[in-house]
C-alpha atoms as a PDB file:
ATOM      1  CA  MET A   1      17.327  10.728  22.322  1.00  0.00           C
ATOM      2  CA  SER A   2      19.390  14.311  23.482  1.00  0.00           C
ATOM      3  CA  HIS A   3      15.834  15.706  21.676  1.00  0.00           C
ATOM      4  CA  HIS A   4      13.661  14.629  24.495  1.00  0.00           C
ATOM      5  CA  PRO A   5      15.474  17.144  26.759  1.00  0.00           C
ATOM      6  CA  SER A   6      15.222  20.024  24.174  1.00  0.00           C
ATOM      7  CA  TYR A   7      10.868  19.390  23.880  1.00  0.00           C
ATOM      8  CA  SER A   8      11.012  19.425  27.730  1.00  0.00           C
ATOM      9  CA  MET A   9      12.500  22.445  28.204  1.00  0.00           C
ATOM     10  CA  ALA A  10      10.564  23.864  24.974  1.00  0.00           C
ATOM     11  CA  ALA A  11       7.245  22.870  27.353  1.00  0.00           C
ATOM     12  CA  LEU A  12       8.654  24.253  30.400  1.00  0.00           C
ATOM     13  CA  CYS A  13       9.828  27.537  29.050  1.00  0.00           C
ATOM     14  CA  ALA A  14       6.443  28.212  27.169  1.00  0.00           C
ATOM     15  CA  VAL A  15       4.280  27.313  30.886  1.00  0.00           C
ATOM     16  CA  GLY A  16       7.134  29.289  33.225  1.00  0.00           C
ATOM     17  CA  GLY A  17       6.314  32.398  30.652  1.00  0.00           C
ATOM     18  CA  ALA A  18       2.357  31.854  31.103  1.00  0.00           C
ATOM     19  CA  ILE A  19       3.071  31.577  35.174  1.00  0.00           C
ATOM     20  CA  GLY A  20       4.725  34.947  34.463  1.00  0.00           C
ATOM     21  CA  TYR A  21       2.051  36.261  32.579  1.00  0.00           C
ATOM     22  CA  VAL A  22      -0.738  35.327  34.685  1.00  0.00           C
ATOM     23  CA  LYS A  23       0.788  36.119  37.838  1.00  0.00           C
ATOM     24  CA  GLY A  24       2.134  39.507  37.098  1.00  0.00           C
ATOM     25  CA  ARG A  25       0.546  40.745  33.529  1.00  0.00           C
ATOM     26  CA  SER A  26       4.170  40.338  32.658  1.00  0.00           C
ATOM     27  CA  LEU A  27       4.021  40.479  28.529  1.00  0.00           C
ATOM     28  CA  PRO A  28       7.699  40.253  28.652  1.00  0.00           C
ATOM     29  CA  SER A  29       7.790  36.901  30.402  1.00  0.00           C
ATOM     30  CA  LEU A  30       4.803  35.255  27.957  1.00  0.00           C
ATOM     31  CA  VAL A  31       6.745  36.687  25.154  1.00  0.00           C
ATOM     32  CA  ALA A  32      10.347  35.485  26.307  1.00  0.00           C
ATOM     33  CA  GLY A  33       9.070  32.394  27.613  1.00  0.00           C
ATOM     34  CA  MET A  34       7.223  31.468  23.924  1.00  0.00           C
ATOM     35  CA  GLY A  35      10.463  32.803  21.952  1.00  0.00           C
ATOM     36  CA  ILE A  36      12.661  30.927  24.203  1.00  0.00           C
ATOM     37  CA  GLY A  37      10.472  27.559  24.021  1.00  0.00           C
ATOM     38  CA  ALA A  38      10.152  27.705  20.497  1.00  0.00           C
ATOM     39  CA  VAL A  39      14.143  27.759  19.970  1.00  0.00           C
ATOM     40  CA  TYR A  40      14.289  25.027  22.318  1.00  0.00           C
ATOM     41  CA  TRP A  41      11.169  23.150  20.120  1.00  0.00           C
ATOM     42  CA  TYR A  42      13.633  24.149  17.236  1.00  0.00           C
ATOM     43  CA  ALA A  43      16.617  22.471  18.228  1.00  0.00           C
ATOM     44  CA  GLY A  44      14.549  19.573  19.311  1.00  0.00           C
ATOM     45  CA  GLN A  45      13.141  19.042  15.694  1.00  0.00           C
ATOM     46  CA  ARG A  46      16.999  19.273  14.096  1.00  0.00           C
ATOM     47  CA  ILE A  47      18.375  16.983  16.514  1.00  0.00           C
ATOM     48  CA  GLN A  48      15.719  14.686  16.121  1.00  0.00           C
ATOM     49  CA  LYS A  49      16.227  15.143  12.319  1.00  0.00           C
ATOM     50  CA  ASN A  50      19.907  14.648  12.583  1.00  0.00           C
ATOM     51  CA  GLN A  51      20.645  18.047  11.017  1.00  0.00           C
ATOM     52  CA  ASP A  52      23.354  20.097  11.983  1.00  0.00           C
ATOM     53  CA  TYR A  53      23.321  22.760  15.028  1.00  0.00           C
ATOM     54  CA  GLY A  54      20.302  21.099  16.808  1.00  0.00           C
ATOM     55  CA  HIS A  55      22.810  20.696  20.344  1.00  0.00           C
ATOM     56  CA  ASP A  56      24.104  24.578  18.997  1.00  0.00           C
ATOM     57  CA  LEU A  57      20.596  25.690  19.250  1.00  0.00           C
ATOM     58  CA  ALA A  58      19.784  24.060  22.519  1.00  0.00           C
ATOM     59  CA  LEU A  59      23.063  25.408  24.057  1.00  0.00           C
ATOM     60  CA  ALA A  60      22.191  28.699  22.854  1.00  0.00           C
ATOM     61  CA  ALA A  61      18.591  28.888  24.081  1.00  0.00           C
ATOM     62  CA  SER A  62      19.814  27.542  27.576  1.00  0.00           C
ATOM     63  CA  SER A  63      22.815  30.222  28.014  1.00  0.00           C
ATOM     64  CA  LEU A  64      20.031  32.814  27.094  1.00  0.00           C
ATOM     65  CA  LEU A  65      17.679  30.848  29.881  1.00  0.00           C
ATOM     66  CA  LEU A  66      20.437  31.109  32.498  1.00  0.00           C
ATOM     67  CA  PHE A  67      21.626  34.703  31.860  1.00  0.00           C
ATOM     68  CA  ALA A  68      18.072  36.104  31.533  1.00  0.00           C
ATOM     69  CA  MET A  69      16.782  34.125  34.381  1.00  0.00           C
ATOM     70  CA  GLY A  70      19.651  34.167  36.639  1.00  0.00           C
ATOM     71  CA  PRO A  71      19.766  37.476  38.005  1.00  0.00           C
ATOM     72  CA  LYS A  72      15.858  37.685  38.867  1.00  0.00           C
ATOM     73  CA  ALA A  73      16.060  34.483  40.394  1.00  0.00           C
ATOM     74  CA  LEU A  74      19.259  35.928  42.936  1.00  0.00           C
ATOM     75  CA  ARG A  75      17.289  39.144  43.229  1.00  0.00           C
ATOM     76  CA  THR A  76      13.543  37.806  43.950  1.00  0.00           C
ATOM     77  CA  ARG A  77      14.281  34.483  44.960  1.00  0.00           C
ATOM     78  CA  ALA A  78      10.473  33.713  43.740  1.00  0.00           C
ATOM     79  CA  PRO A  79      10.047  30.374  42.838  1.00  0.00           C
ATOM     80  CA  VAL A  80       9.855  30.788  39.035  1.00  0.00           C
ATOM     81  CA  PRO A  81      13.027  32.404  38.288  1.00  0.00           C
ATOM     82  CA  VAL A  82      14.877  29.786  40.648  1.00  0.00           C
ATOM     83  CA  VAL A  83      13.592  26.734  38.746  1.00  0.00           C
ATOM     84  CA  MET A  84      14.231  27.729  35.507  1.00  0.00           C
ATOM     85  CA  SER A  85      17.672  29.248  36.097  1.00  0.00           C
ATOM     86  CA  THR A  86      18.775  26.011  37.442  1.00  0.00           C
ATOM     87  CA  LEU A  87      17.139  23.821  34.713  1.00  0.00           C
ATOM     88  CA  GLY A  88      18.941  26.630  32.655  1.00  0.00           C
ATOM     89  CA  THR A  89      21.636  26.171  34.210  1.00  0.00           C
ATOM     90  CA  ALA A  90      21.789  22.505  33.785  1.00  0.00           C
ATOM     91  CA  SER A  91      20.184  22.071  30.287  1.00  0.00           C
ATOM     92  CA  ALA A  92      23.464  24.611  29.418  1.00  0.00           C
ATOM     93  CA  ALA A  93      25.599  21.522  31.216  1.00  0.00           C
ATOM     94  CA  TYR A  94      24.301  18.791  29.215  1.00  0.00           C
ATOM     95  CA  TYR A  95      23.831  20.666  25.970  1.00  0.00           C
ATOM     96  CA  SER A  96      27.848  21.758  25.949  1.00  0.00           C
ATOM     97  CA  LYS A  97      28.546  18.285  26.627  1.00  0.00           C
ATOM     98  CA  LYS A  98      26.781  17.530  23.157  1.00  0.00           C
ATOM     99  CA  VAL A  99      28.126  20.047  21.188  1.00  0.00           C
ATOM    100  CA  TYR A 100      31.616  19.305  22.487  1.00  0.00           C
ATOM    101  CA  GLU A 101      31.014  15.592  21.594  1.00  0.00           C
ATOM    102  CA  ASP A 102      29.939  16.569  17.938  1.00  0.00           C
ATOM    103  CA  ARG A 103      32.773  18.649  17.228  1.00  0.00           C
ATOM    104  CA  PHE A 104      35.426  16.066  18.817  1.00  0.00           C
ATOM    105  CA  GLY A 105      33.691  12.796  18.492  1.00  0.00           C
ATOM    106  CA  VAL A 106      34.015  11.742  21.743  1.00  0.00           C
END
């Protein structure tokens, strides 16, 4: 069941990157959104198939999203960076818990 947030984040990152491209003609936003979205999608695939390191990949994507969008959200206060950094924070917390559970069987 923990693959659903990963797929949702994949879609949101892709949409966020597309919005960044459309609004500001920012090719880096498009590439980053699609790239991070692809990592989330791949992590979701691994989690769904009970393969190793799915939660780790989702945590890495969440951390990357948080550290990429956090400073921009603080600097610009624009809606898309604020929402994406907030989602990155929530997703990082969720997947940190899942990685901990995988490692220590809690």
